[in-house]
Amino acid sequence: MDEAHRIGRPLGVVCAVASAAISSATLPDTGSAAPFGPLTGLGAALVAGCTVGTLLMAALEAKHARTATAETLARMGAPSQTLRTAAALRATAVLTVFTPVTCVLAVLAALPLTS
């Protein structure tokens, strides 16, 4: 539950940026030669990079917050493979839930602009 506060907001921002990118990619061409300016790609890469970097920093902070728990479990005899499996399970659950939600929201956001 502690990780939800640390990772939730950055993950929401990453999902919003990914949704905006998917929405802009699915919009029909307006007919103009250059719908975006020359620095659009650079700006989009900067925004995406910063949001992913923020999410990675939050994940690293959450990992450091779990260090005491992991050390306690290791002292009690829990195999290190169990701790790695738990981390992989958390990551898989987050990706399984948020990837479809992000894609659906992107399509729904672009829907009014396509008609």
C-alpha atoms as a PDB file:
ATOM      1  CA  MET A   1       0.000   0.000   0.000  1.00  0.00           C
ATOM      2  CA  ASP A   2       2.948   2.324   0.618  1.00  0.00           C
ATOM      3  CA  GLU A   3       4.085   1.872  -2.974  1.00  0.00           C
ATOM      4  CA  ALA A   4       0.732   2.994  -4.320  1.00  0.00           C
ATOM      5  CA  HIS A   5       1.380   6.521  -3.065  1.00  0.00           C
ATOM      6  CA  ARG A   6       4.917   6.569  -4.426  1.00  0.00           C
ATOM      7  CA  ILE A   7       4.311   5.032  -7.831  1.00  0.00           C
ATOM      8  CA  GLY A   8       0.654   5.911  -8.499  1.00  0.00           C
ATOM      9  CA  ARG A   9       1.009   9.517  -9.595  1.00  0.00           C
ATOM     10  CA  PRO A  10       4.044   9.043 -11.853  1.00  0.00           C
ATOM     11  CA  LEU A  11       2.398   5.981 -13.374  1.00  0.00           C
ATOM     12  CA  GLY A  12      -0.739   8.017 -14.037  1.00  0.00           C
ATOM     13  CA  VAL A  13       1.307  10.703 -15.779  1.00  0.00           C
ATOM     14  CA  VAL A  14       3.087   8.103 -17.922  1.00  0.00           C
ATOM     15  CA  CYS A  15      -0.278   6.598 -18.863  1.00  0.00           C
ATOM     16  CA  ALA A  16      -1.637  10.055 -19.751  1.00  0.00           C
ATOM     17  CA  VAL A  17       1.370  10.830 -21.940  1.00  0.00           C
ATOM     18  CA  ALA A  18       1.152   7.422 -23.622  1.00  0.00           C
ATOM     19  CA  SER A  19      -2.570   7.929 -24.158  1.00  0.00           C
ATOM     20  CA  ALA A  20      -1.948  11.335 -25.739  1.00  0.00           C
ATOM     21  CA  ALA A  21       0.699   9.843 -28.019  1.00  0.00           C
ATOM     22  CA  ILE A  22      -1.606   7.029 -29.106  1.00  0.00           C
ATOM     23  CA  SER A  23      -4.471   9.483 -29.638  1.00  0.00           C
ATOM     24  CA  SER A  24      -2.377  11.786 -31.786  1.00  0.00           C
ATOM     25  CA  ALA A  25      -1.131   8.837 -33.820  1.00  0.00           C
ATOM     26  CA  THR A  26      -4.671   7.557 -34.482  1.00  0.00           C
ATOM     27  CA  LEU A  27      -6.115  10.906 -35.545  1.00  0.00           C
ATOM     28  CA  PRO A  28      -6.812  11.144 -39.261  1.00  0.00           C
ATOM     29  CA  ASP A  29      -4.579  13.326 -41.413  1.00  0.00           C
ATOM     30  CA  THR A  30      -5.970  16.856 -41.727  1.00  0.00           C
ATOM     31  CA  GLY A  31      -4.627  17.334 -45.225  1.00  0.00           C
ATOM     32  CA  SER A  32      -1.985  19.910 -44.411  1.00  0.00           C
ATOM     33  CA  ALA A  33       1.602  19.114 -45.292  1.00  0.00           C
ATOM     34  CA  ALA A  34       2.974  19.625 -41.790  1.00  0.00           C
ATOM     35  CA  PRO A  35       0.334  19.377 -39.051  1.00  0.00           C
ATOM     36  CA  PHE A  36       3.015  19.721 -36.394  1.00  0.00           C
ATOM     37  CA  GLY A  37       6.034  21.978 -36.178  1.00  0.00           C
ATOM     38  CA  PRO A  38       9.632  20.850 -36.643  1.00  0.00           C
ATOM     39  CA  LEU A  39      10.293  20.486 -32.936  1.00  0.00           C
ATOM     40  CA  THR A  40       7.243  18.362 -32.161  1.00  0.00           C
ATOM     41  CA  GLY A  41       9.206  15.118 -32.121  1.00  0.00           C
ATOM     42  CA  LEU A  42      11.861  16.579 -29.853  1.00  0.00           C
ATOM     43  CA  GLY A  43       9.249  17.973 -27.475  1.00  0.00           C
ATOM     44  CA  ALA A  44       7.337  14.697 -27.407  1.00  0.00           C
ATOM     45  CA  ALA A  45      10.530  12.749 -26.729  1.00  0.00           C
ATOM     46  CA  LEU A  46      11.447  15.147 -23.926  1.00  0.00           C
ATOM     47  CA  VAL A  47       8.029  14.866 -22.269  1.00  0.00           C
ATOM     48  CA  ALA A  48       7.967  11.076 -22.616  1.00  0.00           C
ATOM     49  CA  GLY A  49      11.533  10.748 -21.354  1.00  0.00           C
ATOM     50  CA  CYS A  50      10.896  12.945 -18.324  1.00  0.00           C
ATOM     51  CA  THR A  51       7.729  11.108 -17.353  1.00  0.00           C
ATOM     52  CA  VAL A  52       9.355   7.689 -17.712  1.00  0.00           C
ATOM     53  CA  GLY A  53      12.373   8.941 -15.758  1.00  0.00           C
ATOM     54  CA  THR A  54      10.095  10.147 -12.978  1.00  0.00           C
ATOM     55  CA  LEU A  55       8.360   6.771 -12.877  1.00  0.00           C
ATOM     56  CA  LEU A  56      11.707   4.963 -12.718  1.00  0.00           C
ATOM     57  CA  MET A  57      12.874   7.190  -9.882  1.00  0.00           C
ATOM     58  CA  ALA A  58       9.642   6.481  -7.972  1.00  0.00           C
ATOM     59  CA  ALA A  59      10.134   2.751  -8.534  1.00  0.00           C
ATOM     60  CA  LEU A  60      13.713   3.015  -7.263  1.00  0.00           C
ATOM     61  CA  GLU A  61      12.501   4.898  -4.193  1.00  0.00           C
ATOM     62  CA  ALA A  62       9.909   2.178  -3.541  1.00  0.00           C
ATOM     63  CA  LYS A  63      12.605  -0.476  -3.906  1.00  0.00           C
ATOM     64  CA  HIS A  64      14.757   1.267  -1.320  1.00  0.00           C
ATOM     65  CA  ALA A  65      11.767   1.522   1.000  1.00  0.00           C
ATOM     66  CA  ARG A  66      11.328  -2.269   0.746  1.00  0.00           C
ATOM     67  CA  THR A  67      14.974  -2.950   1.587  1.00  0.00           C
ATOM     68  CA  ALA A  68      14.350  -3.510   5.300  1.00  0.00           C
ATOM     69  CA  THR A  69      11.511  -5.922   4.556  1.00  0.00           C
ATOM     70  CA  ALA A  70      13.606  -7.823   2.023  1.00  0.00           C
ATOM     71  CA  GLU A  71      16.509  -8.099   4.470  1.00  0.00           C
ATOM     72  CA  THR A  72      14.190  -9.381   7.176  1.00  0.00           C
ATOM     73  CA  LEU A  73      12.732 -11.996   4.853  1.00  0.00           C
ATOM     74  CA  ALA A  74      16.225 -13.057   3.788  1.00  0.00           C
ATOM     75  CA  ARG A  75      17.281 -13.451   7.440  1.00  0.00           C
ATOM     76  CA  MET A  76      14.205 -15.584   8.056  1.00  0.00           C
ATOM     77  CA  GLY A  77      15.293 -17.908   5.260  1.00  0.00           C
ATOM     78  CA  ALA A  78      13.139 -16.822   2.328  1.00  0.00           C
ATOM     79  CA  PRO A  79      14.865 -17.711  -0.946  1.00  0.00           C
ATOM     80  CA  SER A  80      16.008 -14.753  -3.043  1.00  0.00           C
ATOM     81  CA  GLN A  81      14.127 -16.244  -5.987  1.00  0.00           C
ATOM     82  CA  THR A  82      10.877 -15.654  -4.080  1.00  0.00           C
ATOM     83  CA  LEU A  83      11.656 -11.957  -3.700  1.00  0.00           C
ATOM     84  CA  ARG A  84      12.468 -11.648  -7.420  1.00  0.00           C
ATOM     85  CA  THR A  85       9.283 -13.519  -8.306  1.00  0.00           C
ATOM     86  CA  ALA A  86       7.231 -11.157  -6.128  1.00  0.00           C
ATOM     87  CA  ALA A  87       8.782  -8.125  -7.852  1.00  0.00           C
ATOM     88  CA  ALA A  88       8.102  -9.631 -11.288  1.00  0.00           C
ATOM     89  CA  LEU A  89       4.527 -10.394 -10.270  1.00  0.00           C
ATOM     90  CA  ARG A  90       3.972  -6.788  -9.138  1.00  0.00           C
ATOM     91  CA  ALA A  91       5.366  -5.423 -12.404  1.00  0.00           C
ATOM     92  CA  THR A  92       3.297  -7.842 -14.479  1.00  0.00           C
ATOM     93  CA  ALA A  93       0.121  -6.952 -12.598  1.00  0.00           C
ATOM     94  CA  VAL A  94       0.683  -3.231 -13.126  1.00  0.00           C
ATOM     95  CA  LEU A  95       1.371  -3.690 -16.846  1.00  0.00           C
ATOM     96  CA  THR A  96      -1.581  -6.043 -17.262  1.00  0.00           C
ATOM     97  CA  VAL A  97      -3.969  -3.533 -15.729  1.00  0.00           C
ATOM     98  CA  PHE A  98      -2.657  -0.239 -17.059  1.00  0.00           C
ATOM     99  CA  THR A  99      -1.771  -1.122 -20.665  1.00  0.00           C
ATOM    100  CA  PRO A 100      -5.345  -1.892 -21.811  1.00  0.00           C
ATOM    101  CA  VAL A 101      -6.749   1.019 -19.808  1.00  0.00           C
ATOM    102  CA  THR A 102      -4.291   3.408 -21.456  1.00  0.00           C
ATOM    103  CA  CYS A 103      -5.110   2.127 -24.942  1.00  0.00           C
ATOM    104  CA  VAL A 104      -8.874   2.322 -24.385  1.00  0.00           C
ATOM    105  CA  LEU A 105      -8.625   5.854 -23.018  1.00  0.00           C
ATOM    106  CA  ALA A 106      -6.514   6.898 -25.996  1.00  0.00           C
ATOM    107  CA  VAL A 107      -9.102   5.615 -28.445  1.00  0.00           C
ATOM    108  CA  LEU A 108     -11.935   7.232 -26.496  1.00  0.00           C
ATOM    109  CA  ALA A 109     -10.069  10.550 -26.353  1.00  0.00           C
ATOM    110  CA  ALA A 110      -9.566  10.564 -30.121  1.00  0.00           C
ATOM    111  CA  LEU A 111     -13.130   9.437 -30.888  1.00  0.00           C
ATOM    112  CA  PRO A 112     -14.800  12.910 -30.888  1.00  0.00           C
ATOM    113  CA  LEU A 113     -12.096  14.288 -33.175  1.00  0.00           C
ATOM    114  CA  THR A 114     -12.423  11.572 -35.817  1.00  0.00           C
ATOM    115  CA  SER A 115     -16.010  12.325 -36.841  1.00  0.00           C
END
